[in-house]
Amino acid sequence: MTKEAFFHPPRTINCKGKIINLSAPLVMGVMNITPDSFYDGGSYRNPLDAIKKAEQFLDEGADILDMGAASSRPGATIIRPDEEQDRLLPALKAVVRQFPEAVVSIDTYHSSTARIAIEAGAHLINDISAGEIDKQMFNTVAELQVPYIMMHMQGRPDNMQLEPSYHHLIKDIAFYFSEKVSILKEKGVHDIILDPGFGFGKTLEQNYQLLAGLDYFRMFELPLLVGVSRKSMINKVLGVPPSRALNGTTVLNTLAIEQGADIIRVHDVREASEVIKICSFYQKQR
């Protein structure tokens, strides 16, 4: 990959007045405010714990904090908006109050949660369902005028891993995005970030095919987010549990950056920040 491919053309997203530069890859730190996430569920439900984790992530180099209160692990069921908000809002409000300069993303598929979270101080919406679970999400994002991360998922969390199949993996996902992007732009949403959805309705082999073809999505000229942190695509290859998948995560994050990822979503911010620094230095020598 050339130096120009790693240092992407100048590009920004507007997060409620906070201008985020995407000319080099960013780190998004995962904060799961939920009892049943696959890796760190329940760790930050207490507002004080959330503040401590946010402080750690920011110190380690996180550019964005991604807070969510609904597990999307394989087999997870869709939870009610009120349950999600009861979990999320105390921690979100505490983090926003303590770190007013931090950029906070909300991981939700409910439009009502998105609205309340933005009003409470969040800056971006991260929707694993790309508006499929809540049909009002696109209208809500357009009204709020905040950046929108939309992910590809075949099915829903409770059934997405049963028998995922595609005619042509990369092209099918690209077609899915093309339709969604067209709708969003018609509604006046311009800050759109694409997440191809590693582990969401993909087999082990399909996940690696997707990684190998990641640069195909550059055709959209939109930022790309990659979330592979401690996922089963690592665990199954190495034969380790998520708790021992940091080394594999680092390898895949490096490959993702080489393939054009603009944002890497991770549980381990310091290590991800170091990946970007090393990749950056390496590319400058080429």
C-alpha atoms as a PDB file:
ATOM      1  CA  MET A   1       0.000   0.000   0.000  1.00  0.00           C
ATOM      2  CA  THR A   2       1.277   3.473  -0.850  1.00  0.00           C
ATOM      3  CA  LYS A   3       1.790   6.297   1.580  1.00  0.00           C
ATOM      4  CA  GLU A   4      -1.128   8.108  -0.051  1.00  0.00           C
ATOM      5  CA  ALA A   5      -3.419   5.137   0.599  1.00  0.00           C
ATOM      6  CA  PHE A   6      -2.676   5.155   4.318  1.00  0.00           C
ATOM      7  CA  PHE A   7      -2.872   8.901   4.806  1.00  0.00           C
ATOM      8  CA  HIS A   8      -6.305   9.397   3.337  1.00  0.00           C
ATOM      9  CA  PRO A   9      -7.302  12.557   1.475  1.00  0.00           C
ATOM     10  CA  PRO A  10      -8.271  15.390   3.851  1.00  0.00           C
ATOM     11  CA  ARG A  11     -11.734  14.651   5.212  1.00  0.00           C
ATOM     12  CA  THR A  12     -13.715  15.616   8.278  1.00  0.00           C
ATOM     13  CA  ILE A  13     -16.986  14.833  10.007  1.00  0.00           C
ATOM     14  CA  ASN A  14     -18.969  17.377  11.988  1.00  0.00           C
ATOM     15  CA  CYS A  15     -19.957  16.076  15.428  1.00  0.00           C
ATOM     16  CA  LYS A  16     -22.267  18.792  16.741  1.00  0.00           C
ATOM     17  CA  GLY A  17     -19.633  21.409  16.085  1.00  0.00           C
ATOM     18  CA  LYS A  18     -16.662  19.218  16.942  1.00  0.00           C
ATOM     19  CA  ILE A  19     -14.740  18.769  13.691  1.00  0.00           C
ATOM     20  CA  ILE A  20     -13.092  15.343  13.538  1.00  0.00           C
ATOM     21  CA  ASN A  21     -10.183  14.951  11.136  1.00  0.00           C
ATOM     22  CA  LEU A  22     -10.096  11.606   9.342  1.00  0.00           C
ATOM     23  CA  SER A  23      -6.929  12.141   7.310  1.00  0.00           C
ATOM     24  CA  ALA A  24      -5.296   9.395   9.447  1.00  0.00           C
ATOM     25  CA  PRO A  25      -6.948   6.445  11.258  1.00  0.00           C
ATOM     26  CA  LEU A  26      -8.772   7.022  14.553  1.00  0.00           C
ATOM     27  CA  VAL A  27      -9.365   4.798  17.582  1.00  0.00           C
ATOM     28  CA  MET A  28     -12.865   4.200  18.946  1.00  0.00           C
ATOM     29  CA  GLY A  29     -12.918   2.727  22.454  1.00  0.00           C
ATOM     30  CA  VAL A  30     -15.759   0.325  23.290  1.00  0.00           C
ATOM     31  CA  MET A  31     -17.677   0.931  26.530  1.00  0.00           C
ATOM     32  CA  ASN A  32     -20.423  -1.653  26.997  1.00  0.00           C
ATOM     33  CA  ILE A  33     -22.995  -0.512  29.559  1.00  0.00           C
ATOM     34  CA  THR A  34     -24.679  -3.906  29.533  1.00  0.00           C
ATOM     35  CA  PRO A  35     -24.508  -7.086  31.631  1.00  0.00           C
ATOM     36  CA  ASP A  36     -24.183  -9.571  28.767  1.00  0.00           C
ATOM     37  CA  SER A  37     -21.737  -8.424  26.104  1.00  0.00           C
ATOM     38  CA  PHE A  38     -19.437 -11.159  24.828  1.00  0.00           C
ATOM     39  CA  TYR A  39     -16.250  -9.716  26.346  1.00  0.00           C
ATOM     40  CA  ASP A  40     -16.638  -6.998  28.990  1.00  0.00           C
ATOM     41  CA  GLY A  41     -20.342  -6.991  29.803  1.00  0.00           C
ATOM     42  CA  GLY A  42     -21.308  -5.196  33.001  1.00  0.00           C
ATOM     43  CA  SER A  43     -17.921  -3.569  33.552  1.00  0.00           C
ATOM     44  CA  TYR A  44     -19.026   0.078  33.292  1.00  0.00           C
ATOM     45  CA  ARG A  45     -22.680   0.160  34.331  1.00  0.00           C
ATOM     46  CA  ASN A  46     -21.882   2.196  37.416  1.00  0.00           C
ATOM     47  CA  PRO A  47     -21.342   5.857  36.444  1.00  0.00           C
ATOM     48  CA  LEU A  48     -18.113   6.043  38.462  1.00  0.00           C
ATOM     49  CA  ASP A  49     -16.762   2.975  36.680  1.00  0.00           C
ATOM     50  CA  ALA A  50     -17.745   4.506  33.356  1.00  0.00           C
ATOM     51  CA  ILE A  51     -15.883   7.705  34.234  1.00  0.00           C
ATOM     52  CA  LYS A  52     -12.757   5.732  35.177  1.00  0.00           C
ATOM     53  CA  LYS A  53     -12.855   3.747  31.952  1.00  0.00           C
ATOM     54  CA  ALA A  54     -13.452   6.842  29.845  1.00  0.00           C
ATOM     55  CA  GLU A  55     -10.519   8.572  31.517  1.00  0.00           C
ATOM     56  CA  GLN A  56      -8.311   5.551  30.852  1.00  0.00           C
ATOM     57  CA  PHE A  57      -9.349   5.376  27.203  1.00  0.00           C
ATOM     58  CA  LEU A  58      -8.822   9.098  26.640  1.00  0.00           C
ATOM     59  CA  ASP A  59      -5.393   8.954  28.292  1.00  0.00           C
ATOM     60  CA  GLU A  60      -4.475   5.992  26.074  1.00  0.00           C
ATOM     61  CA  GLY A  61      -5.382   7.838  22.901  1.00  0.00           C
ATOM     62  CA  ALA A  62      -9.067   7.175  22.166  1.00  0.00           C
ATOM     63  CA  ASP A  63     -10.488   9.621  19.647  1.00  0.00           C
ATOM     64  CA  ILE A  64     -14.087   8.457  20.174  1.00  0.00           C
ATOM     65  CA  LEU A  65     -15.838   6.732  23.085  1.00  0.00           C
ATOM     66  CA  ASP A  66     -18.528   4.294  21.902  1.00  0.00           C
ATOM     67  CA  MET A  67     -21.122   3.657  24.601  1.00  0.00           C
ATOM     68  CA  GLY A  68     -23.853   1.044  24.225  1.00  0.00           C
ATOM     69  CA  ALA A  69     -26.370  -0.646  26.495  1.00  0.00           C
ATOM     70  CA  ALA A  70     -27.715  -3.482  24.324  1.00  0.00           C
ATOM     71  CA  SER A  71     -25.645  -6.565  23.600  1.00  0.00           C
ATOM     72  CA  SER A  72     -25.357  -7.557  19.946  1.00  0.00           C
ATOM     73  CA  ARG A  73     -23.466 -10.808  20.500  1.00  0.00           C
ATOM     74  CA  PRO A  74     -24.706 -13.806  18.441  1.00  0.00           C
ATOM     75  CA  GLY A  75     -27.989 -14.995  19.931  1.00  0.00           C
ATOM     76  CA  ALA A  76     -28.797 -11.743  21.731  1.00  0.00           C
ATOM     77  CA  THR A  77     -32.410 -10.598  21.695  1.00  0.00           C
ATOM     78  CA  ILE A  78     -33.638  -7.084  20.880  1.00  0.00           C
ATOM     79  CA  ILE A  79     -34.220  -5.164  24.102  1.00  0.00           C
ATOM     80  CA  ARG A  80     -36.833  -2.479  24.758  1.00  0.00           C
ATOM     81  CA  PRO A  81     -35.793   1.177  24.356  1.00  0.00           C
ATOM     82  CA  ASP A  82     -36.726   2.020  27.949  1.00  0.00           C
ATOM     83  CA  GLU A  83     -34.541  -0.788  29.305  1.00  0.00           C
ATOM     84  CA  GLU A  84     -31.659   0.352  27.119  1.00  0.00           C
ATOM     85  CA  GLN A  85     -32.038   3.968  28.221  1.00  0.00           C
ATOM     86  CA  ASP A  86     -32.227   3.051  31.919  1.00  0.00           C
ATOM     87  CA  ARG A  87     -28.855   1.335  31.568  1.00  0.00           C
ATOM     88  CA  LEU A  88     -27.207   3.908  29.334  1.00  0.00           C
ATOM     89  CA  LEU A  89     -28.187   7.376  30.460  1.00  0.00           C
ATOM     90  CA  PRO A  90     -26.632   7.530  33.960  1.00  0.00           C
ATOM     91  CA  ALA A  91     -23.237   6.464  32.601  1.00  0.00           C
ATOM     92  CA  LEU A  92     -23.505   8.654  29.500  1.00  0.00           C
ATOM     93  CA  LYS A  93     -24.440  11.773  31.450  1.00  0.00           C
ATOM     94  CA  ALA A  94     -21.614  11.163  33.917  1.00  0.00           C
ATOM     95  CA  VAL A  95     -19.021  10.774  31.154  1.00  0.00           C
ATOM     96  CA  VAL A  96     -20.222  13.827  29.212  1.00  0.00           C
ATOM     97  CA  ARG A  97     -20.216  15.925  32.376  1.00  0.00           C
ATOM     98  CA  GLN A  98     -16.727  14.779  33.409  1.00  0.00           C
ATOM     99  CA  PHE A  99     -15.177  14.979  29.915  1.00  0.00           C
ATOM    100  CA  PRO A 100     -16.990  17.727  27.981  1.00  0.00           C
ATOM    101  CA  GLU A 101     -14.391  17.744  25.192  1.00  0.00           C
ATOM    102  CA  ALA A 102     -14.657  13.995  24.522  1.00  0.00           C
ATOM    103  CA  VAL A 103     -16.403  12.766  21.376  1.00  0.00           C
ATOM    104  CA  VAL A 104     -19.036  10.196  22.334  1.00  0.00           C
ATOM    105  CA  SER A 105     -20.784   7.743  20.024  1.00  0.00           C
ATOM    106  CA  ILE A 106     -23.936   5.865  21.028  1.00  0.00           C
ATOM    107  CA  ASP A 107     -24.272   2.252  19.906  1.00  0.00           C
ATOM    108  CA  THR A 108     -28.029   1.793  19.486  1.00  0.00           C
ATOM    109  CA  TYR A 109     -30.604   0.507  17.027  1.00  0.00           C
ATOM    110  CA  HIS A 110     -33.483   2.432  18.659  1.00  0.00           C
ATOM    111  CA  SER A 111     -34.261   5.899  17.288  1.00  0.00           C
ATOM    112  CA  SER A 112     -35.702   7.065  20.609  1.00  0.00           C
ATOM    113  CA  THR A 113     -32.470   6.132  22.393  1.00  0.00           C
ATOM    114  CA  ALA A 114     -30.479   7.904  19.686  1.00  0.00           C
ATOM    115  CA  ARG A 115     -32.493  11.092  20.180  1.00  0.00           C
ATOM    116  CA  ILE A 116     -32.281  11.054  23.974  1.00  0.00           C
ATOM    117  CA  ALA A 117     -28.552  10.276  23.916  1.00  0.00           C
ATOM    118  CA  ILE A 118     -27.774  13.123  21.512  1.00  0.00           C
ATOM    119  CA  GLU A 119     -29.811  15.487  23.660  1.00  0.00           C
ATOM    120  CA  ALA A 120     -27.805  14.268  26.671  1.00  0.00           C
ATOM    121  CA  GLY A 121     -24.514  15.203  25.010  1.00  0.00           C
ATOM    122  CA  ALA A 122     -23.497  12.398  22.629  1.00  0.00           C
ATOM    123  CA  HIS A 123     -22.204  13.270  19.159  1.00  0.00           C
ATOM    124  CA  LEU A 124     -22.608  10.278  16.820  1.00  0.00           C
ATOM    125  CA  ILE A 125     -25.017   7.387  16.304  1.00  0.00           C
ATOM    126  CA  ASN A 126     -23.658   3.884  15.703  1.00  0.00           C
ATOM    127  CA  ASP A 127     -26.432   1.594  14.421  1.00  0.00           C
ATOM    128  CA  ILE A 128     -25.651  -2.098  13.858  1.00  0.00           C
ATOM    129  CA  SER A 129     -28.894  -2.526  11.931  1.00  0.00           C
ATOM    130  CA  ALA A 130     -28.547   0.373   9.459  1.00  0.00           C
ATOM    131  CA  GLY A 131     -32.127   1.378  10.168  1.00  0.00           C
ATOM    132  CA  GLU A 132     -33.592  -2.110   9.756  1.00  0.00           C
ATOM    133  CA  ILE A 133     -34.662  -2.674  13.371  1.00  0.00           C
ATOM    134  CA  ASP A 134     -36.173   0.792  13.844  1.00  0.00           C
ATOM    135  CA  LYS A 135     -37.508   2.265  10.611  1.00  0.00           C
ATOM    136  CA  GLN A 136     -37.542   5.757  12.149  1.00  0.00           C
ATOM    137  CA  MET A 137     -33.767   5.804  12.637  1.00  0.00           C
ATOM    138  CA  PHE A 138     -32.914   7.446   9.295  1.00  0.00           C
ATOM    139  CA  ASN A 139     -35.474  10.219   9.835  1.00  0.00           C
ATOM    140  CA  THR A 140     -34.193  10.762  13.365  1.00  0.00           C
ATOM    141  CA  VAL A 141     -30.565  11.024  12.261  1.00  0.00           C
ATOM    142  CA  ALA A 142     -31.563  13.445   9.515  1.00  0.00           C
ATOM    143  CA  GLU A 143     -33.433  15.594  12.011  1.00  0.00           C
ATOM    144  CA  LEU A 144     -30.601  15.515  14.551  1.00  0.00           C
ATOM    145  CA  GLN A 145     -27.955  16.208  11.879  1.00  0.00           C
ATOM    146  CA  VAL A 146     -25.263  14.089  13.508  1.00  0.00           C
ATOM    147  CA  PRO A 147     -22.826  11.611  11.932  1.00  0.00           C
ATOM    148  CA  TYR A 148     -24.262   8.148  11.419  1.00  0.00           C
ATOM    149  CA  ILE A 149     -22.332   4.892  11.477  1.00  0.00           C
ATOM    150  CA  MET A 150     -24.295   2.201   9.697  1.00  0.00           C
ATOM    151  CA  MET A 151     -23.273  -1.412   9.778  1.00  0.00           C
ATOM    152  CA  HIS A 152     -24.092  -4.314   7.493  1.00  0.00           C
ATOM    153  CA  MET A 153     -25.729  -7.254   9.256  1.00  0.00           C
ATOM    154  CA  GLN A 154     -27.450 -10.182   7.611  1.00  0.00           C
ATOM    155  CA  GLY A 155     -30.456 -10.903   9.832  1.00  0.00           C
ATOM    156  CA  ARG A 156     -30.609  -9.899  13.494  1.00  0.00           C
ATOM    157  CA  PRO A 157     -28.342 -10.741  16.434  1.00  0.00           C
ATOM    158  CA  ASP A 158     -30.561 -13.661  17.475  1.00  0.00           C
ATOM    159  CA  ASN A 159     -30.372 -15.380  14.060  1.00  0.00           C
ATOM    160  CA  MET A 160     -27.516 -13.754  12.122  1.00  0.00           C
ATOM    161  CA  GLN A 161     -25.096 -16.658  12.572  1.00  0.00           C
ATOM    162  CA  LEU A 162     -27.480 -19.514  11.759  1.00  0.00           C
ATOM    163  CA  GLU A 163     -26.717 -19.896   8.033  1.00  0.00           C
ATOM    164  CA  PRO A 164     -25.267 -16.721   6.536  1.00  0.00           C
ATOM    165  CA  SER A 165     -24.936 -16.918   2.757  1.00  0.00           C
ATOM    166  CA  TYR A 166     -24.210 -14.510  -0.092  1.00  0.00           C
ATOM    167  CA  HIS A 167     -24.162 -14.589  -3.890  1.00  0.00           C
ATOM    168  CA  HIS A 168     -20.980 -12.489  -3.840  1.00  0.00           C
ATOM    169  CA  LEU A 169     -19.985 -11.322  -0.378  1.00  0.00           C
ATOM    170  CA  ILE A 170     -18.267  -8.021  -1.166  1.00  0.00           C
ATOM    171  CA  LYS A 171     -20.620  -6.960  -3.956  1.00  0.00           C
ATOM    172  CA  ASP A 172     -23.718  -7.907  -1.950  1.00  0.00           C
ATOM    173  CA  ILE A 173     -22.594  -5.744   0.951  1.00  0.00           C
ATOM    174  CA  ALA A 174     -21.625  -2.908  -1.392  1.00  0.00           C
ATOM    175  CA  PHE A 175     -25.083  -3.011  -3.009  1.00  0.00           C
ATOM    176  CA  TYR A 176     -26.681  -2.935   0.450  1.00  0.00           C
ATOM    177  CA  PHE A 177     -24.650   0.150   1.335  1.00  0.00           C
ATOM    178  CA  SER A 178     -25.380   1.859  -1.976  1.00  0.00           C
ATOM    179  CA  GLU A 179     -29.130   1.679  -1.364  1.00  0.00           C
ATOM    180  CA  LYS A 180     -28.811   2.887   2.231  1.00  0.00           C
ATOM    181  CA  VAL A 181     -26.437   5.728   1.376  1.00  0.00           C
ATOM    182  CA  SER A 182     -28.780   6.921  -1.358  1.00  0.00           C
ATOM    183  CA  ILE A 183     -31.722   7.060   1.054  1.00  0.00           C
ATOM    184  CA  LEU A 184     -29.721   8.852   3.731  1.00  0.00           C
ATOM    185  CA  LYS A 185     -28.384  11.467   1.333  1.00  0.00           C
ATOM    186  CA  GLU A 186     -31.907  12.119   0.021  1.00  0.00           C
ATOM    187  CA  LYS A 187     -32.893  12.817   3.628  1.00  0.00           C
ATOM    188  CA  GLY A 188     -30.006  15.255   4.048  1.00  0.00           C
ATOM    189  CA  VAL A 189     -27.582  13.053   5.999  1.00  0.00           C
ATOM    190  CA  HIS A 190     -24.049  13.633   4.726  1.00  0.00           C
ATOM    191  CA  ASP A 191     -21.710  12.492   7.515  1.00  0.00           C
ATOM    192  CA  ILE A 192     -22.035   8.745   6.929  1.00  0.00           C
ATOM    193  CA  ILE A 193     -19.544   6.113   8.114  1.00  0.00           C
ATOM    194  CA  LEU A 194     -19.681   2.547   6.778  1.00  0.00           C
ATOM    195  CA  ASP A 195     -19.060  -0.543   8.911  1.00  0.00           C
ATOM    196  CA  PRO A 196     -19.015  -3.830   6.919  1.00  0.00           C
ATOM    197  CA  GLY A 197     -20.005  -5.746  10.052  1.00  0.00           C
ATOM    198  CA  PHE A 198     -17.351  -8.321  10.871  1.00  0.00           C
ATOM    199  CA  GLY A 199     -18.979 -11.177  12.777  1.00  0.00           C
ATOM    200  CA  PHE A 200     -22.521 -10.055  11.973  1.00  0.00           C
ATOM    201  CA  GLY A 201     -24.051 -12.603   9.641  1.00  0.00           C
ATOM    202  CA  LYS A 202     -20.739 -13.897   8.302  1.00  0.00           C
ATOM    203  CA  THR A 203     -18.962 -17.218   8.567  1.00  0.00           C
ATOM    204  CA  LEU A 204     -15.341 -17.439   9.662  1.00  0.00           C
ATOM    205  CA  GLU A 205     -14.170 -17.654   6.075  1.00  0.00           C
ATOM    206  CA  GLN A 206     -16.442 -14.806   4.987  1.00  0.00           C
ATOM    207  CA  ASN A 207     -14.999 -12.545   7.682  1.00  0.00           C
ATOM    208  CA  TYR A 208     -11.513 -13.005   6.273  1.00  0.00           C
ATOM    209  CA  GLN A 209     -12.727 -12.581   2.703  1.00  0.00           C
ATOM    210  CA  LEU A 210     -14.337  -9.341   3.817  1.00  0.00           C
ATOM    211  CA  LEU A 211     -11.103  -8.127   5.386  1.00  0.00           C
ATOM    212  CA  ALA A 212      -9.156  -8.989   2.238  1.00  0.00           C
ATOM    213  CA  GLY A 213     -11.661  -7.019   0.142  1.00  0.00           C
ATOM    214  CA  LEU A 214     -12.081  -4.071   2.490  1.00  0.00           C
ATOM    215  CA  ASP A 215     -10.540  -1.554   0.121  1.00  0.00           C
ATOM    216  CA  TYR A 216     -13.385  -2.233  -2.348  1.00  0.00           C
ATOM    217  CA  PHE A 217     -15.609  -0.048  -0.176  1.00  0.00           C
ATOM    218  CA  ARG A 218     -13.386   2.961  -0.831  1.00  0.00           C
ATOM    219  CA  MET A 219     -15.548   3.410  -3.939  1.00  0.00           C
ATOM    220  CA  PHE A 220     -18.121   5.149  -1.723  1.00  0.00           C
ATOM    221  CA  GLU A 221     -15.594   7.802  -0.690  1.00  0.00           C
ATOM    222  CA  LEU A 222     -16.965   7.540   2.840  1.00  0.00           C
ATOM    223  CA  PRO A 223     -15.095   6.736   6.066  1.00  0.00           C
ATOM    224  CA  LEU A 224     -14.774   3.045   6.915  1.00  0.00           C
ATOM    225  CA  LEU A 225     -15.052   1.659  10.444  1.00  0.00           C
ATOM    226  CA  VAL A 226     -13.702  -1.791  11.285  1.00  0.00           C
ATOM    227  CA  GLY A 227     -14.599  -3.665  14.473  1.00  0.00           C
ATOM    228  CA  VAL A 228     -12.761  -6.971  14.888  1.00  0.00           C
ATOM    229  CA  SER A 229     -11.691  -6.598  18.510  1.00  0.00           C
ATOM    230  CA  ARG A 230     -11.504  -9.958  20.332  1.00  0.00           C
ATOM    231  CA  LYS A 231     -14.152 -11.463  18.028  1.00  0.00           C
ATOM    232  CA  SER A 232     -14.671 -15.113  17.128  1.00  0.00           C
ATOM    233  CA  MET A 233     -12.867 -14.678  13.803  1.00  0.00           C
ATOM    234  CA  ILE A 234      -9.742 -14.482  15.972  1.00  0.00           C
ATOM    235  CA  ASN A 235     -10.721 -16.964  18.655  1.00  0.00           C
ATOM    236  CA  LYS A 236     -11.643 -19.740  16.226  1.00  0.00           C
ATOM    237  CA  VAL A 237      -8.394 -19.493  14.291  1.00  0.00           C
ATOM    238  CA  LEU A 238      -6.159 -19.338  17.366  1.00  0.00           C
ATOM    239  CA  GLY A 239      -8.226 -21.582  19.628  1.00  0.00           C
ATOM    240  CA  VAL A 240      -8.353 -19.005  22.424  1.00  0.00           C
ATOM    241  CA  PRO A 241     -11.143 -17.281  24.384  1.00  0.00           C
ATOM    242  CA  PRO A 242     -11.808 -13.540  23.932  1.00  0.00           C
ATOM    243  CA  SER A 243      -9.697 -12.807  27.025  1.00  0.00           C
ATOM    244  CA  ARG A 244      -6.622 -14.090  25.175  1.00  0.00           C
ATOM    245  CA  ALA A 245      -7.355 -12.557  21.780  1.00  0.00           C
ATOM    246  CA  LEU A 246      -5.480  -9.260  22.117  1.00  0.00           C
ATOM    247  CA  ASN A 247      -2.519 -10.338  19.993  1.00  0.00           C
ATOM    248  CA  GLY A 248      -4.832 -11.547  17.221  1.00  0.00           C
ATOM    249  CA  THR A 249      -6.792  -8.311  17.451  1.00  0.00           C
ATOM    250  CA  THR A 250      -3.613  -6.314  16.942  1.00  0.00           C
ATOM    251  CA  VAL A 251      -2.770  -8.335  13.833  1.00  0.00           C
ATOM    252  CA  LEU A 252      -6.212  -7.800  12.311  1.00  0.00           C
ATOM    253  CA  ASN A 253      -6.257  -4.087  13.167  1.00  0.00           C
ATOM    254  CA  THR A 254      -2.937  -3.715  11.374  1.00  0.00           C
ATOM    255  CA  LEU A 255      -4.311  -5.486   8.301  1.00  0.00           C
ATOM    256  CA  ALA A 256      -7.473  -3.364   8.425  1.00  0.00           C
ATOM    257  CA  ILE A 257      -5.476  -0.145   8.474  1.00  0.00           C
ATOM    258  CA  GLU A 258      -3.372  -1.365   5.568  1.00  0.00           C
ATOM    259  CA  GLN A 259      -6.641  -2.048   3.725  1.00  0.00           C
ATOM    260  CA  GLY A 260      -7.932   1.470   4.290  1.00  0.00           C
ATOM    261  CA  ALA A 261      -9.823   1.522   7.610  1.00  0.00           C
ATOM    262  CA  ASP A 262     -10.421   5.054   8.907  1.00  0.00           C
ATOM    263  CA  ILE A 263     -11.636   4.062  12.392  1.00  0.00           C
ATOM    264  CA  ILE A 264     -10.829   0.924  14.364  1.00  0.00           C
ATOM    265  CA  ARG A 265     -13.298   0.029  17.114  1.00  0.00           C
ATOM    266  CA  VAL A 266     -11.513  -1.704  19.987  1.00  0.00           C
ATOM    267  CA  HIS A 267     -11.623  -2.855  23.584  1.00  0.00           C
ATOM    268  CA  ASP A 268      -7.892  -2.133  24.012  1.00  0.00           C
ATOM    269  CA  VAL A 269      -7.162   1.484  23.164  1.00  0.00           C
ATOM    270  CA  ARG A 270      -3.478   1.735  24.026  1.00  0.00           C
ATOM    271  CA  GLU A 271      -2.561  -1.210  21.824  1.00  0.00           C
ATOM    272  CA  ALA A 272      -4.676   0.102  18.932  1.00  0.00           C
ATOM    273  CA  SER A 273      -3.097   3.552  19.227  1.00  0.00           C
ATOM    274  CA  GLU A 274       0.322   1.934  19.033  1.00  0.00           C
ATOM    275  CA  VAL A 275      -0.695   0.062  15.883  1.00  0.00           C
ATOM    276  CA  ILE A 276      -1.593   3.337  14.212  1.00  0.00           C
ATOM    277  CA  LYS A 277       1.635   5.037  15.326  1.00  0.00           C
ATOM    278  CA  ILE A 278       3.786   2.217  13.992  1.00  0.00           C
ATOM    279  CA  CYS A 279       1.857   1.972  10.727  1.00  0.00           C
ATOM    280  CA  SER A 280       2.157   5.732  10.342  1.00  0.00           C
ATOM    281  CA  PHE A 281       5.918   5.738  10.901  1.00  0.00           C
ATOM    282  CA  TYR A 282       6.377   2.772   8.593  1.00  0.00           C
ATOM    283  CA  GLN A 283       4.437   4.393   5.778  1.00  0.00           C
ATOM    284  CA  LYS A 284       6.528   7.556   6.025  1.00  0.00           C
ATOM    285  CA  GLN A 285       9.639   5.519   5.285  1.00  0.00           C
ATOM    286  CA  ARG A 286       8.256   3.976   2.093  1.00  0.00           C
END
